[in-house]
PDB file of N, CA and C in Angstrom:
ATOM      1  N   MET A   1       0.819  -1.192   0.000  1.00  0.00           N
ATOM      2  CA  MET A   1       0.000   0.000   0.000  1.00  0.00           C
ATOM      3  C   MET A   1       0.864   1.257   0.000  1.00  0.00           C
ATOM      4  N   SER A   2       1.986   1.227   0.713  1.00  0.00           N
ATOM      5  CA  SER A   2       2.832   2.418   0.773  1.00  0.00           C
ATOM      6  C   SER A   2       3.500   2.682  -0.574  1.00  0.00           C
ATOM      7  N   GLU A   3       3.733   1.620  -1.391  1.00  0.00           N
ATOM      8  CA  GLU A   3       4.317   1.832  -2.710  1.00  0.00           C
ATOM      9  C   GLU A   3       3.355   2.613  -3.600  1.00  0.00           C
ATOM     10  N   ILE A   4       2.067   2.298  -3.495  1.00  0.00           N
ATOM     11  CA  ILE A   4       1.058   3.008  -4.285  1.00  0.00           C
ATOM     12  C   ILE A   4       0.982   4.464  -3.843  1.00  0.00           C
ATOM     13  N   LEU A   5       1.042   4.696  -2.546  1.00  0.00           N
ATOM     14  CA  LEU A   5       0.994   6.059  -2.034  1.00  0.00           C
ATOM     15  C   LEU A   5       2.215   6.854  -2.478  1.00  0.00           C
ATOM     16  N   ILE A   6       3.386   6.241  -2.418  1.00  0.00           N
ATOM     17  CA  ILE A   6       4.606   6.913  -2.866  1.00  0.00           C
ATOM     18  C   ILE A   6       4.532   7.204  -4.366  1.00  0.00           C
ATOM     19  N   GLY A   7       4.046   6.249  -5.144  1.00  0.00           N
ATOM     20  CA  GLY A   7       3.899   6.460  -6.588  1.00  0.00           C
ATOM     21  C   GLY A   7       2.915   7.566  -6.911  1.00  0.00           C
ATOM     22  N   ALA A   8       1.788   7.589  -6.201  1.00  0.00           N
ATOM     23  CA  ALA A   8       0.786   8.632  -6.436  1.00  0.00           C
ATOM     24  C   ALA A   8       1.324  10.003  -6.041  1.00  0.00           C
ATOM     25  N   ALA A   9       2.019  10.071  -4.921  1.00  0.00           N
ATOM     26  CA  ALA A   9       2.594  11.349  -4.490  1.00  0.00           C
ATOM     27  C   ALA A   9       3.658  11.821  -5.472  1.00  0.00           C
ATOM     28  N   SER A  10       4.467  10.896  -5.963  1.00  0.00           N
ATOM     29  CA  SER A  10       5.488  11.264  -6.951  1.00  0.00           C
ATOM     30  C   SER A  10       4.855  11.753  -8.244  1.00  0.00           C
ATOM     31  N   ALA A  11       3.825  11.058  -8.706  1.00  0.00           N
ATOM     32  CA  ALA A  11       3.134  11.476  -9.932  1.00  0.00           C
ATOM     33  C   ALA A  11       2.502  12.855  -9.749  1.00  0.00           C
ATOM     34  N   PHE A  12       1.909  13.095  -8.583  1.00  0.00           N
ATOM     35  CA  PHE A  12       1.305  14.396  -8.319  1.00  0.00           C
ATOM     36  C   PHE A  12       2.358  15.493  -8.322  1.00  0.00           C
ATOM     37  N   TRP A  13       3.472  15.249  -7.649  1.00  0.00           N
ATOM     38  CA  TRP A  13       4.531  16.261  -7.582  1.00  0.00           C
ATOM     39  C   TRP A  13       5.140  16.512  -8.963  1.00  0.00           C
ATOM     40  N   LEU A  14       5.375  15.457  -9.733  1.00  0.00           N
ATOM     41  CA  LEU A  14       5.907  15.650 -11.086  1.00  0.00           C
ATOM     42  C   LEU A  14       4.907  16.376 -11.976  1.00  0.00           C
ATOM     43  N   GLY A  15       3.619  16.150 -11.760  1.00  0.00           N
ATOM     44  CA  GLY A  15       2.600  16.890 -12.492  1.00  0.00           C
ATOM     45  C   GLY A  15       2.620  18.368 -12.158  1.00  0.00           C
ATOM     46  N   ILE A  16       2.802  18.694 -10.891  1.00  0.00           N
ATOM     47  CA  ILE A  16       2.915  20.097 -10.482  1.00  0.00           C
ATOM     48  C   ILE A  16       4.139  20.729 -11.124  1.00  0.00           C
ATOM     49  N   LEU A  17       5.272  20.036 -11.084  1.00  0.00           N
ATOM     50  CA  LEU A  17       6.492  20.578 -11.682  1.00  0.00           C
ATOM     51  C   LEU A  17       6.351  20.747 -13.187  1.00  0.00           C
ATOM     52  N   THR A  18       5.669  19.815 -13.841  1.00  0.00           N
ATOM     53  CA  THR A  18       5.453  19.934 -15.278  1.00  0.00           C
ATOM     54  C   THR A  18       4.546  21.107 -15.603  1.00  0.00           C
ATOM     55  N   ALA A  19       3.538  21.330 -14.794  1.00  0.00           N
ATOM     56  CA  ALA A  19       2.573  22.402 -15.064  1.00  0.00           C
ATOM     57  C   ALA A  19       3.201  23.781 -14.940  1.00  0.00           C
ATOM     58  N   ILE A  20       4.232  23.931 -14.102  1.00  0.00           N
ATOM     59  CA  ILE A  20       4.826  25.259 -13.924  1.00  0.00           C
ATOM     60  C   ILE A  20       6.131  25.435 -14.694  1.00  0.00           C
ATOM     61  N   SER A  21       6.536  24.438 -15.458  1.00  0.00           N
ATOM     62  CA  SER A  21       7.731  24.636 -16.282  1.00  0.00           C
ATOM     63  C   SER A  21       7.386  25.568 -17.440  1.00  0.00           C
ATOM     64  N   PRO A  22       8.361  26.208 -18.047  1.00  0.00           N
ATOM     65  CA  PRO A  22       8.073  27.288 -19.001  1.00  0.00           C
ATOM     66  C   PRO A  22       7.205  26.914 -20.206  1.00  0.00           C
ATOM     67  N   CYS A  23       7.470  25.804 -20.864  1.00  0.00           N
ATOM     68  CA  CYS A  23       6.700  25.487 -22.078  1.00  0.00           C
ATOM     69  C   CYS A  23       5.237  25.157 -21.780  1.00  0.00           C
ATOM     70  N   PRO A  24       4.946  24.226 -20.856  1.00  0.00           N
ATOM     71  CA  PRO A  24       3.533  23.977 -20.555  1.00  0.00           C
ATOM     72  C   PRO A  24       2.837  25.185 -19.919  1.00  0.00           C
ATOM     73  N   LEU A  25       3.585  26.016 -19.211  1.00  0.00           N
ATOM     74  CA  LEU A  25       2.972  27.191 -18.607  1.00  0.00           C
ATOM     75  C   LEU A  25       2.470  28.135 -19.698  1.00  0.00           C
ATOM     76  N   ALA A  26       3.274  28.332 -20.732  1.00  0.00           N
ATOM     77  CA  ALA A  26       2.831  29.175 -21.849  1.00  0.00           C
ATOM     78  C   ALA A  26       1.646  28.534 -22.567  1.00  0.00           C
ATOM     79  N   THR A  27       1.670  27.212 -22.705  1.00  0.00           N
ATOM     80  CA  THR A  27       0.551  26.512 -23.343  1.00  0.00           C
ATOM     81  C   THR A  27      -0.714  26.648 -22.504  1.00  0.00           C
ATOM     82  N   ASN A  28      -0.580  26.526 -21.194  1.00  0.00           N
ATOM     83  CA  ASN A  28      -1.749  26.682 -20.320  1.00  0.00           C
ATOM     84  C   ASN A  28      -2.334  28.077 -20.410  1.00  0.00           C
ATOM     85  N   ILE A  29      -1.497  29.090 -20.464  1.00  0.00           N
ATOM     86  CA  ILE A  29      -1.989  30.466 -20.573  1.00  0.00           C
ATOM     87  C   ILE A  29      -2.705  30.659 -21.904  1.00  0.00           C
ATOM     88  N   ALA A  30      -2.119  30.134 -22.984  1.00  0.00           N
ATOM     89  CA  ALA A  30      -2.769  30.246 -24.295  1.00  0.00           C
ATOM     90  C   ALA A  30      -4.097  29.496 -24.310  1.00  0.00           C
ATOM     91  N   ALA A  31      -4.136  28.316 -23.697  1.00  0.00           N
ATOM     92  CA  ALA A  31      -5.374  27.531 -23.662  1.00  0.00           C
ATOM     93  C   ALA A  31      -6.446  28.235 -22.842  1.00  0.00           C
ATOM     94  N   ILE A  32      -6.073  28.821 -21.720  1.00  0.00           N
ATOM     95  CA  ILE A  32      -7.044  29.550 -20.900  1.00  0.00           C
ATOM     96  C   ILE A  32      -7.582  30.751 -21.670  1.00  0.00           C
ATOM     97  N   SER A  33      -6.711  31.434 -22.394  1.00  0.00           N
ATOM     98  CA  SER A  33      -7.164  32.571 -23.204  1.00  0.00           C
ATOM     99  C   SER A  33      -8.134  32.117 -24.286  1.00  0.00           C
ATOM    100  N   PHE A  34      -7.826  31.002 -24.918  1.00  0.00           N
ATOM    101  CA  PHE A  34      -8.683  30.497 -25.984  1.00  0.00           C
ATOM    102  C   PHE A  34     -10.031  30.005 -25.441  1.00  0.00           C
ATOM    103  N   VAL A  35      -9.976  29.275 -24.339  1.00  0.00           N
ATOM    104  CA  VAL A  35     -11.193  28.702 -23.764  1.00  0.00           C
ATOM    105  C   VAL A  35     -12.106  29.788 -23.202  1.00  0.00           C
ATOM    106  N   SER A  36     -11.533  30.826 -22.622  1.00  0.00           N
ATOM    107  CA  SER A  36     -12.353  31.844 -21.957  1.00  0.00           C
ATOM    108  C   SER A  36     -12.772  32.972 -22.890  1.00  0.00           C
ATOM    109  N   ARG A  37     -12.669  32.785 -24.183  1.00  0.00           N
ATOM    110  CA  ARG A  37     -13.063  33.855 -25.109  1.00  0.00           C
ATOM    111  C   ARG A  37     -14.573  34.082 -25.105  1.00  0.00           C
ATOM    112  N   ARG A  38     -15.328  33.111 -24.648  1.00  0.00           N
ATOM    113  CA  ARG A  38     -16.791  33.254 -24.550  1.00  0.00           C
ATOM    114  C   ARG A  38     -17.183  33.451 -23.075  1.00  0.00           C
ATOM    115  N   VAL A  39     -16.773  34.556 -22.524  1.00  0.00           N
ATOM    116  CA  VAL A  39     -17.001  34.824 -21.106  1.00  0.00           C
ATOM    117  C   VAL A  39     -18.488  34.977 -20.811  1.00  0.00           C
ATOM    118  N   GLY A  40     -19.285  35.317 -21.803  1.00  0.00           N
ATOM    119  CA  GLY A  40     -20.713  35.503 -21.594  1.00  0.00           C
ATOM    120  C   GLY A  40     -21.443  34.219 -21.236  1.00  0.00           C
ATOM    121  N   SER A  41     -20.847  33.075 -21.526  1.00  0.00           N
ATOM    122  CA  SER A  41     -21.481  31.788 -21.227  1.00  0.00           C
ATOM    123  C   SER A  41     -20.575  30.989 -20.288  1.00  0.00           C
ATOM    124  N   PRO A  42     -20.724  31.167 -18.990  1.00  0.00           N
ATOM    125  CA  PRO A  42     -19.842  30.486 -18.035  1.00  0.00           C
ATOM    126  C   PRO A  42     -19.910  28.957 -18.132  1.00  0.00           C
ATOM    127  N   ALA A  43     -21.076  28.422 -18.466  1.00  0.00           N
ATOM    128  CA  ALA A  43     -21.195  26.959 -18.556  1.00  0.00           C
ATOM    129  C   ALA A  43     -20.346  26.414 -19.704  1.00  0.00           C
ATOM    130  N   ARG A  44     -20.345  27.110 -20.839  1.00  0.00           N
ATOM    131  CA  ARG A  44     -19.533  26.664 -21.979  1.00  0.00           C
ATOM    132  C   ARG A  44     -18.042  26.798 -21.679  1.00  0.00           C
ATOM    133  N   VAL A  45     -17.672  27.861 -20.982  1.00  0.00           N
ATOM    134  CA  VAL A  45     -16.267  28.047 -20.602  1.00  0.00           C
ATOM    135  C   VAL A  45     -15.839  26.937 -19.655  1.00  0.00           C
ATOM    136  N   PHE A  46     -16.687  26.613 -18.694  1.00  0.00           N
ATOM    137  CA  PHE A  46     -16.375  25.549 -17.741  1.00  0.00           C
ATOM    138  C   PHE A  46     -16.254  24.200 -18.449  1.00  0.00           C
ATOM    139  N   LEU A  47     -17.186  23.913 -19.363  1.00  0.00           N
ATOM    140  CA  LEU A  47     -17.147  22.658 -20.104  1.00  0.00           C
ATOM    141  C   LEU A  47     -15.899  22.577 -20.976  1.00  0.00           C
ATOM    142  N   ALA A  48     -15.567  23.660 -21.649  1.00  0.00           N
ATOM    143  CA  ALA A  48     -14.362  23.677 -22.484  1.00  0.00           C
ATOM    144  C   ALA A  48     -13.111  23.480 -21.632  1.00  0.00           C
ATOM    145  N   GLY A  49     -13.085  24.086 -20.451  1.00  0.00           N
ATOM    146  CA  GLY A  49     -11.953  23.899 -19.536  1.00  0.00           C
ATOM    147  C   GLY A  49     -11.835  22.455 -19.070  1.00  0.00           C
ATOM    148  N   LEU A  50     -12.976  21.835 -18.762  1.00  0.00           N
ATOM    149  CA  LEU A  50     -12.961  20.425 -18.359  1.00  0.00           C
ATOM    150  C   LEU A  50     -12.478  19.521 -19.494  1.00  0.00           C
ATOM    151  N   LEU A  51     -12.944  19.803 -20.701  1.00  0.00           N
ATOM    152  CA  LEU A  51     -12.508  18.996 -21.847  1.00  0.00           C
ATOM    153  C   LEU A  51     -11.014  19.178 -22.119  1.00  0.00           C
ATOM    154  N   TYR A  52     -10.523  20.396 -21.994  1.00  0.00           N
ATOM    155  CA  TYR A  52      -9.079  20.640 -22.169  1.00  0.00           C
ATOM    156  C   TYR A  52      -8.284  19.874 -21.113  1.00  0.00           C
ATOM    157  N   THR A  53      -8.745  19.940 -19.875  1.00  0.00           N
ATOM    158  CA  THR A  53      -8.048  19.244 -18.787  1.00  0.00           C
ATOM    159  C   THR A  53      -8.076  17.732 -18.990  1.00  0.00           C
ATOM    160  N   ALA A  54      -9.229  17.203 -19.387  1.00  0.00           N
ATOM    161  CA  ALA A  54      -9.340  15.758 -19.626  1.00  0.00           C
ATOM    162  C   ALA A  54      -8.451  15.329 -20.793  1.00  0.00           C
ATOM    163  N   GLY A  55      -8.416  16.133 -21.843  1.00  0.00           N
ATOM    164  CA  GLY A  55      -7.554  15.805 -22.973  1.00  0.00           C
ATOM    165  C   GLY A  55      -6.088  15.817 -22.604  1.00  0.00           C
ATOM    166  N   ARG A  56      -5.707  16.789 -21.820  1.00  0.00           N
ATOM    167  CA  ARG A  56      -4.301  16.864 -21.382  1.00  0.00           C
ATOM    168  C   ARG A  56      -3.951  15.673 -20.485  1.00  0.00           C
ATOM    169  N   MET A  57      -4.875  15.325 -19.585  1.00  0.00           N
ATOM    170  CA  MET A  57      -4.639  14.184 -18.699  1.00  0.00           C
ATOM    171  C   MET A  57      -4.527  12.886 -19.491  1.00  0.00           C
ATOM    172  N   LEU A  58      -5.418  12.696 -20.457  1.00  0.00           N
ATOM    173  CA  LEU A  58      -5.383  11.475 -21.261  1.00  0.00           C
ATOM    174  C   LEU A  58      -4.113  11.394 -22.106  1.00  0.00           C
ATOM    175  N   THR A  59      -3.649  12.523 -22.589  1.00  0.00           N
ATOM    176  CA  THR A  59      -2.406  12.531 -23.359  1.00  0.00           C
ATOM    177  C   THR A  59      -1.225  12.117 -22.490  1.00  0.00           C
ATOM    178  N   TYR A  60      -1.124  12.699 -21.307  1.00  0.00           N
ATOM    179  CA  TYR A  60      -0.036  12.317 -20.400  1.00  0.00           C
ATOM    180  C   TYR A  60      -0.166  10.856 -19.965  1.00  0.00           C
ATOM    181  N   LEU A  61      -1.384  10.393 -19.771  1.00  0.00           N
ATOM    182  CA  LEU A  61      -1.601   8.996 -19.407  1.00  0.00           C
ATOM    183  C   LEU A  61      -1.140   8.067 -20.532  1.00  0.00           C
ATOM    184  N   ALA A  62      -1.484   8.416 -21.759  1.00  0.00           N
ATOM    185  CA  ALA A  62      -1.082   7.584 -22.897  1.00  0.00           C
ATOM    186  C   ALA A  62       0.437   7.550 -23.050  1.00  0.00           C
ATOM    187  N   ILE A  63       1.088   8.689 -22.871  1.00  0.00           N
ATOM    188  CA  ILE A  63       2.550   8.728 -22.958  1.00  0.00           C
ATOM    189  C   ILE A  63       3.159   7.886 -21.835  1.00  0.00           C
ATOM    190  N   GLY A  64       2.610   7.989 -20.629  1.00  0.00           N
ATOM    191  CA  GLY A  64       3.119   7.196 -19.512  1.00  0.00           C
ATOM    192  C   GLY A  64       2.944   5.708 -19.731  1.00  0.00           C
ATOM    193  N   VAL A  65       1.775   5.297 -20.225  1.00  0.00           N
ATOM    194  CA  VAL A  65       1.526   3.877 -20.497  1.00  0.00           C
ATOM    195  C   VAL A  65       2.485   3.377 -21.572  1.00  0.00           C
ATOM    196  N   LEU A  66       2.692   4.178 -22.602  1.00  0.00           N
ATOM    197  CA  LEU A  66       3.617   3.800 -23.665  1.00  0.00           C
ATOM    198  C   LEU A  66       5.042   3.642 -23.146  1.00  0.00           C
ATOM    199  N   LEU A  67       5.481   4.566 -22.319  1.00  0.00           N
ATOM    200  CA  LEU A  67       6.838   4.479 -21.761  1.00  0.00           C
ATOM    201  C   LEU A  67       6.992   3.281 -20.828  1.00  0.00           C
ATOM    202  N   VAL A  68       6.027   3.073 -19.956  1.00  0.00           N
ATOM    203  CA  VAL A  68       6.125   1.947 -19.015  1.00  0.00           C
ATOM    204  C   VAL A  68       6.076   0.618 -19.763  1.00  0.00           C
ATOM    205  N   THR A  69       5.191   0.516 -20.757  1.00  0.00           N
ATOM    206  CA  THR A  69       5.110  -0.716 -21.545  1.00  0.00           C
ATOM    207  C   THR A  69       6.416  -0.977 -22.286  1.00  0.00           C
ATOM    208  N   SER A  70       6.993   0.076 -22.839  1.00  0.00           N
ATOM    209  CA  SER A  70       8.266  -0.073 -23.545  1.00  0.00           C
ATOM    210  C   SER A  70       9.377  -0.519 -22.604  1.00  0.00           C
ATOM    211  N   LEU A  71       9.431   0.088 -21.440  1.00  0.00           N
ATOM    212  CA  LEU A  71      10.487  -0.277 -20.490  1.00  0.00           C
ATOM    213  C   LEU A  71      10.302  -1.690 -19.951  1.00  0.00           C
ATOM    214  N   LEU A  72       9.058  -2.106 -19.755  1.00  0.00           N
ATOM    215  CA  LEU A  72       8.822  -3.455 -19.248  1.00  0.00           C
ATOM    216  C   LEU A  72       9.078  -4.526 -20.305  1.00  0.00           C
ATOM    217  N   SER A  73       9.007  -4.159 -21.581  1.00  0.00           N
ATOM    218  CA  SER A  73       9.270  -5.146 -22.633  1.00  0.00           C
ATOM    219  C   SER A  73      10.749  -5.199 -23.011  1.00  0.00           C
ATOM    220  N   ALA A  74      11.579  -4.364 -22.420  1.00  0.00           N
ATOM    221  CA  ALA A  74      13.005  -4.339 -22.758  1.00  0.00           C
ATOM    222  C   ALA A  74      13.697  -5.673 -22.478  1.00  0.00           C
ATOM    223  N   PRO A  75      13.458  -6.363 -21.364  1.00  0.00           N
ATOM    224  CA  PRO A  75      14.128  -7.649 -21.160  1.00  0.00           C
ATOM    225  C   PRO A  75      13.763  -8.680 -22.233  1.00  0.00           C
ATOM    226  N   HIS A  76      12.505  -8.750 -22.620  1.00  0.00           N
ATOM    227  CA  HIS A  76      12.094  -9.698 -23.663  1.00  0.00           C
ATOM    228  C   HIS A  76      12.786  -9.351 -24.985  1.00  0.00           C
ATOM    229  N   PHE A  77      12.812  -8.072 -25.323  1.00  0.00           N
ATOM    230  CA  PHE A  77      13.467  -7.626 -26.552  1.00  0.00           C
ATOM    231  C   PHE A  77      14.957  -7.952 -26.505  1.00  0.00           C
ATOM    232  N   SER A  78      15.569  -7.807 -25.341  1.00  0.00           N
ATOM    233  CA  SER A  78      16.986  -8.124 -25.184  1.00  0.00           C
ATOM    234  C   SER A  78      17.248  -9.612 -25.408  1.00  0.00           C
ATOM    235  N   PHE A  79      16.388 -10.477 -24.868  1.00  0.00           N
ATOM    236  CA  PHE A  79      16.560 -11.915 -25.068  1.00  0.00           C
ATOM    237  C   PHE A  79      16.414 -12.288 -26.537  1.00  0.00           C
ATOM    238  N   VAL A  80      15.464 -11.662 -27.231  1.00  0.00           N
ATOM    239  CA  VAL A  80      15.281 -11.932 -28.658  1.00  0.00           C
ATOM    240  C   VAL A  80      16.517 -11.498 -29.431  1.00  0.00           C
ATOM    241  N   LEU A  81      17.055 -10.331 -29.097  1.00  0.00           N
ATOM    242  CA  LEU A  81      18.265  -9.869 -29.779  1.00  0.00           C
ATOM    243  C   LEU A  81      19.449 -10.790 -29.494  1.00  0.00           C
ATOM    244  N   GLN A  82      19.599 -11.246 -28.263  1.00  0.00           N
ATOM    245  CA  GLN A  82      20.700 -12.137 -27.929  1.00  0.00           C
ATOM    246  C   GLN A  82      20.583 -13.464 -28.660  1.00  0.00           C
ATOM    247  N   LYS A  83      19.352 -13.901 -28.886  1.00  0.00           N
ATOM    248  CA  LYS A  83      19.147 -15.193 -29.517  1.00  0.00           C
ATOM    249  C   LYS A  83      19.359 -15.138 -31.026  1.00  0.00           C
ATOM    250  N   TYR A  84      18.874 -14.072 -31.677  1.00  0.00           N
ATOM    251  CA  TYR A  84      18.851 -14.042 -33.135  1.00  0.00           C
ATOM    252  C   TYR A  84      19.813 -13.049 -33.784  1.00  0.00           C
ATOM    253  N   MET A  85      20.447 -12.165 -33.037  1.00  0.00           N
ATOM    254  CA  MET A  85      21.278 -11.145 -33.655  1.00  0.00           C
ATOM    255  C   MET A  85      22.515 -11.732 -34.330  1.00  0.00           C
ATOM    256  N   ASN A  86      23.153 -12.737 -33.723  1.00  0.00           N
ATOM    257  CA  ASN A  86      24.335 -13.336 -34.344  1.00  0.00           C
ATOM    258  C   ASN A  86      23.982 -13.979 -35.679  1.00  0.00           C
ATOM    259  N   LYS A  87      22.823 -14.632 -35.726  1.00  0.00           N
ATOM    260  CA  LYS A  87      22.390 -15.246 -36.986  1.00  0.00           C
ATOM    261  C   LYS A  87      22.111 -14.176 -38.039  1.00  0.00           C
ATOM    262  N   ALA A  88      21.459 -13.110 -37.647  1.00  0.00           N
ATOM    263  CA  ALA A  88      21.148 -12.032 -38.591  1.00  0.00           C
ATOM    264  C   ALA A  88      22.412 -11.350 -39.077  1.00  0.00           C
ATOM    265  N   LEU A  89      23.342 -11.098 -38.184  1.00  0.00           N
ATOM    266  CA  LEU A  89      24.593 -10.465 -38.596  1.00  0.00           C
ATOM    267  C   LEU A  89      25.414 -11.401 -39.470  1.00  0.00           C
ATOM    268  N   GLY A  90      25.407 -12.681 -39.159  1.00  0.00           N
ATOM    269  CA  GLY A  90      26.147 -13.648 -39.974  1.00  0.00           C
ATOM    270  C   GLY A  90      25.616 -13.706 -41.393  1.00  0.00           C
ATOM    271  N   ARG A  91      24.307 -13.692 -41.547  1.00  0.00           N
ATOM    272  CA  ARG A  91      23.721 -13.703 -42.889  1.00  0.00           C
ATOM    273  C   ARG A  91      24.006 -12.403 -43.614  1.00  0.00           C
ATOM    274  N   TYR A  92      23.938 -11.274 -42.905  1.00  0.00           N
ATOM    275  CA  TYR A  92      24.180  -9.986 -43.542  1.00  0.00           C
ATOM    276  C   TYR A  92      25.634  -9.905 -43.989  1.00  0.00           C
ATOM    277  N   LEU A  93      26.550 -10.341 -43.134  1.00  0.00           N
ATOM    278  CA  LEU A  93      27.968 -10.252 -43.485  1.00  0.00           C
ATOM    279  C   LEU A  93      28.330 -11.222 -44.612  1.00  0.00           C
ATOM    280  N   SER A  94      27.663 -12.375 -44.677  1.00  0.00           N
ATOM    281  CA  SER A  94      27.962 -13.318 -45.753  1.00  0.00           C
ATOM    282  C   SER A  94      27.439 -12.791 -47.094  1.00  0.00           C
ATOM    283  N   TRP A  95      26.360 -12.006 -47.094  1.00  0.00           N
ATOM    284  CA  TRP A  95      25.837 -11.436 -48.338  1.00  0.00           C
ATOM    285  C   TRP A  95      26.688 -10.280 -48.835  1.00  0.00           C
ATOM    286  N   SER A  96      27.262  -9.516 -47.901  1.00  0.00           N
ATOM    287  CA  SER A  96      28.009  -8.344 -48.321  1.00  0.00           C
ATOM    288  C   SER A  96      29.432  -8.678 -48.758  1.00  0.00           C
ATOM    289  N   ALA A  97      29.906  -9.894 -48.489  1.00  0.00           N
ATOM    290  CA  ALA A  97      31.279 -10.257 -48.856  1.00  0.00           C
ATOM    291  C   ALA A  97      31.434 -10.624 -50.301  1.00  0.00           C
TER     292      ALA A  97
END
């Protein structure tokens, strides 16, 4: 249970640091300006803000899942390379000679 808590706290802190770094900060300001252009309709502004936030969260989630999946498949990929790379290199070198 403490590993999950540590992971969640780390993810939260890294999210805070990402949100205040210069590039995403400029993007957030531009997005807020774009979303709030219809100030006369607070419900639409709120909905647009929620959709922007959900889209940003899903994008970061997809990138995280992709990175974790890639890192977890590295040992399997390494075993495949160790098993077949010598054969592949041997065939390539015999063709180029």
